[in-house]
Amino acid sequence: MAATARAPKFYGTWKLNEGASRYSSVKPSHTVSITPEREVHMHQGGGAGNAVHMTYKGPEDRPEKHSGPLSGLSNAHLATAHSGEHSVEHTWKVGSDETKAQASVSPDGKKMTYTVHSVNGKPVNETLVYDKA
């Protein structure tokens, strides 16, 4: 199956490991689910009705680079570029804000690290660590 041959280590449900993560300027997704059909579901928890659920659907032909809308947030867009067998570069645009980051999966497929490189052109060094559920 072509879907599992492309990037199967990204597929599954990932839970944020708060203790291993370092962040201050980004609001992390607490759960990320990635399907072989290239659907990515991200859930940011929040009390008093502040939870956000975002969805991104990648193209079926699996190009090395792609960009498309991000549902769940108004005026949001995500561009992706594969940068290796186990990593993908991301550029998030929400309104006039832009964030650049990279997702990498460990060779054993049990950890995903999301490193934020810049927010609105200013360098940052934030790391979100996810464990496969």
Protein backbone atom coordinates (compact mmCIF):
# COMPACT_ATOMS: atom_id res chain seq x y z
CA MET A 1 0.00 0.00 0.00
CA ALA A 2 1.50 3.32 -1.07
CA ALA A 3 0.25 5.19 2.00
CA THR A 4 2.14 2.98 4.43
CA ALA A 5 5.27 2.93 2.28
CA ARG A 6 5.67 6.72 2.36
CA ALA A 7 5.89 7.66 6.05
CA PRO A 8 4.31 4.99 8.24
CA LYS A 9 6.22 6.04 11.36
CA PHE A 10 4.23 9.30 11.47
CA TYR A 11 0.89 7.44 11.44
CA GLY A 12 -0.95 6.97 14.73
CA THR A 13 -1.92 8.97 17.79
CA TRP A 14 0.67 11.06 19.61
CA LYS A 15 0.39 12.49 23.14
CA LEU A 16 2.37 15.51 24.33
CA ASN A 17 5.07 14.63 26.88
CA GLU A 18 4.94 17.81 28.99
CA GLY A 19 7.97 16.84 31.08
CA ALA A 20 10.24 16.41 28.08
CA SER A 21 8.96 19.49 26.19
CA ARG A 22 10.30 23.08 26.35
CA TYR A 23 8.08 25.87 25.08
CA SER A 24 6.85 29.33 25.96
CA SER A 25 5.69 31.17 22.82
CA VAL A 26 3.64 28.41 21.15
CA LYS A 27 0.43 26.76 22.29
CA PRO A 28 1.06 23.04 21.81
CA SER A 29 -1.42 20.47 20.59
CA HIS A 30 -1.89 17.94 23.36
CA THR A 31 -2.94 15.17 20.99
CA VAL A 32 -1.99 14.70 17.33
CA SER A 33 -3.45 11.92 15.16
CA ILE A 34 -2.08 11.16 11.68
CA THR A 35 -3.83 8.70 9.36
CA PRO A 36 -2.56 6.81 6.29
CA GLU A 37 -5.12 8.88 4.34
CA ARG A 38 -2.96 11.94 5.16
CA GLU A 39 -5.39 13.51 7.61
CA VAL A 40 -3.80 15.25 10.58
CA HIS A 41 -5.99 16.05 13.58
CA MET A 42 -4.55 18.32 16.30
CA HIS A 43 -6.28 19.02 19.61
CA GLN A 44 -5.21 21.84 21.90
CA GLY A 45 -6.81 21.44 25.31
CA GLY A 46 -8.26 24.35 27.18
CA GLY A 47 -10.70 24.98 29.96
CA ALA A 48 -13.96 26.93 29.80
CA GLY A 49 -14.56 26.20 26.12
CA ASN A 50 -11.07 27.23 24.97
CA ALA A 51 -10.21 23.91 23.31
CA VAL A 52 -9.21 24.07 19.63
CA HIS A 53 -9.42 21.20 17.14
CA MET A 54 -7.54 21.67 13.86
CA THR A 55 -7.49 19.42 10.80
CA TYR A 56 -5.14 19.36 7.82
CA LYS A 57 -5.51 17.06 4.80
CA GLY A 58 -2.49 16.35 2.64
CA PRO A 59 -2.86 15.58 -1.09
CA GLU A 60 -3.33 12.01 -2.28
CA ASP A 61 -0.40 12.15 -4.73
CA ARG A 62 2.06 12.81 -1.85
CA PRO A 63 4.27 15.51 -3.39
CA GLU A 64 7.48 16.47 -1.65
CA LYS A 65 6.00 19.94 -1.02
CA HIS A 66 2.39 20.93 -0.38
CA SER A 67 0.37 23.74 1.13
CA GLY A 68 -3.27 23.98 2.04
CA PRO A 69 -5.88 25.33 4.45
CA LEU A 70 -5.99 24.38 8.11
CA SER A 71 -9.53 23.96 9.36
CA GLY A 72 -10.44 24.89 12.93
CA LEU A 73 -8.68 28.27 12.85
CA SER A 74 -9.76 31.24 10.79
CA ASN A 75 -7.38 32.45 8.06
CA ALA A 76 -4.95 29.56 8.69
CA HIS A 77 -2.66 27.80 6.22
CA LEU A 78 0.01 25.09 6.50
CA ALA A 79 2.84 24.40 4.05
CA THR A 80 4.83 21.17 4.31
CA ALA A 81 8.07 19.97 2.72
CA HIS A 82 9.56 16.52 3.30
CA SER A 83 13.16 16.90 4.44
CA GLY A 84 14.02 13.22 4.83
CA GLU A 85 12.50 9.83 5.52
CA HIS A 86 11.71 10.76 9.13
CA SER A 87 11.18 14.55 9.00
CA VAL A 88 8.90 17.22 7.57
CA GLU A 89 9.37 21.01 7.52
CA HIS A 90 6.29 23.14 8.36
CA THR A 91 5.41 26.77 7.76
CA TRP A 92 2.26 27.83 9.62
CA LYS A 93 0.45 31.03 8.68
CA VAL A 94 -2.40 32.21 10.87
CA GLY A 95 -3.53 35.68 9.87
CA SER A 96 -0.32 37.70 9.59
CA ASP A 97 1.62 35.44 12.00
CA GLU A 98 4.12 32.91 10.64
CA THR A 99 5.80 30.02 12.46
CA LYS A 100 8.50 27.72 11.02
CA ALA A 101 9.08 24.28 12.51
CA GLN A 102 10.19 20.71 11.83
CA ALA A 103 8.58 17.40 12.84
CA SER A 104 10.88 14.37 13.21
CA VAL A 105 10.07 10.79 14.17
CA SER A 106 12.62 8.61 15.94
CA PRO A 107 13.95 5.62 13.97
CA ASP A 108 11.98 3.23 16.24
CA GLY A 109 8.76 5.21 15.61
CA LYS A 110 7.99 5.77 19.31
CA LYS A 111 8.78 9.50 19.68
CA MET A 112 7.97 12.52 17.57
CA THR A 113 9.86 15.76 18.19
CA TYR A 114 8.45 19.05 16.97
CA THR A 115 11.06 21.83 16.93
CA VAL A 116 9.92 25.44 16.46
CA HIS A 117 12.66 27.50 14.75
CA SER A 118 11.10 30.93 14.34
CA VAL A 119 7.97 32.94 15.09
CA ASN A 120 7.37 35.98 12.87
CA GLY A 121 10.99 35.92 11.71
CA LYS A 122 12.45 35.90 15.24
CA PRO A 123 14.53 32.86 16.19
CA VAL A 124 13.16 30.64 18.94
CA ASN A 125 14.23 27.26 20.24
CA GLU A 126 11.19 25.38 21.44
CA THR A 127 10.79 21.62 21.48
CA LEU A 128 7.59 19.63 21.81
CA VAL A 129 8.05 15.92 22.45
CA TYR A 130 5.26 13.46 21.69
CA ASP A 131 5.00 9.80 22.65
CA LYS A 132 3.13 7.36 20.43
CA ALA A 133 -0.05 6.32 22.23
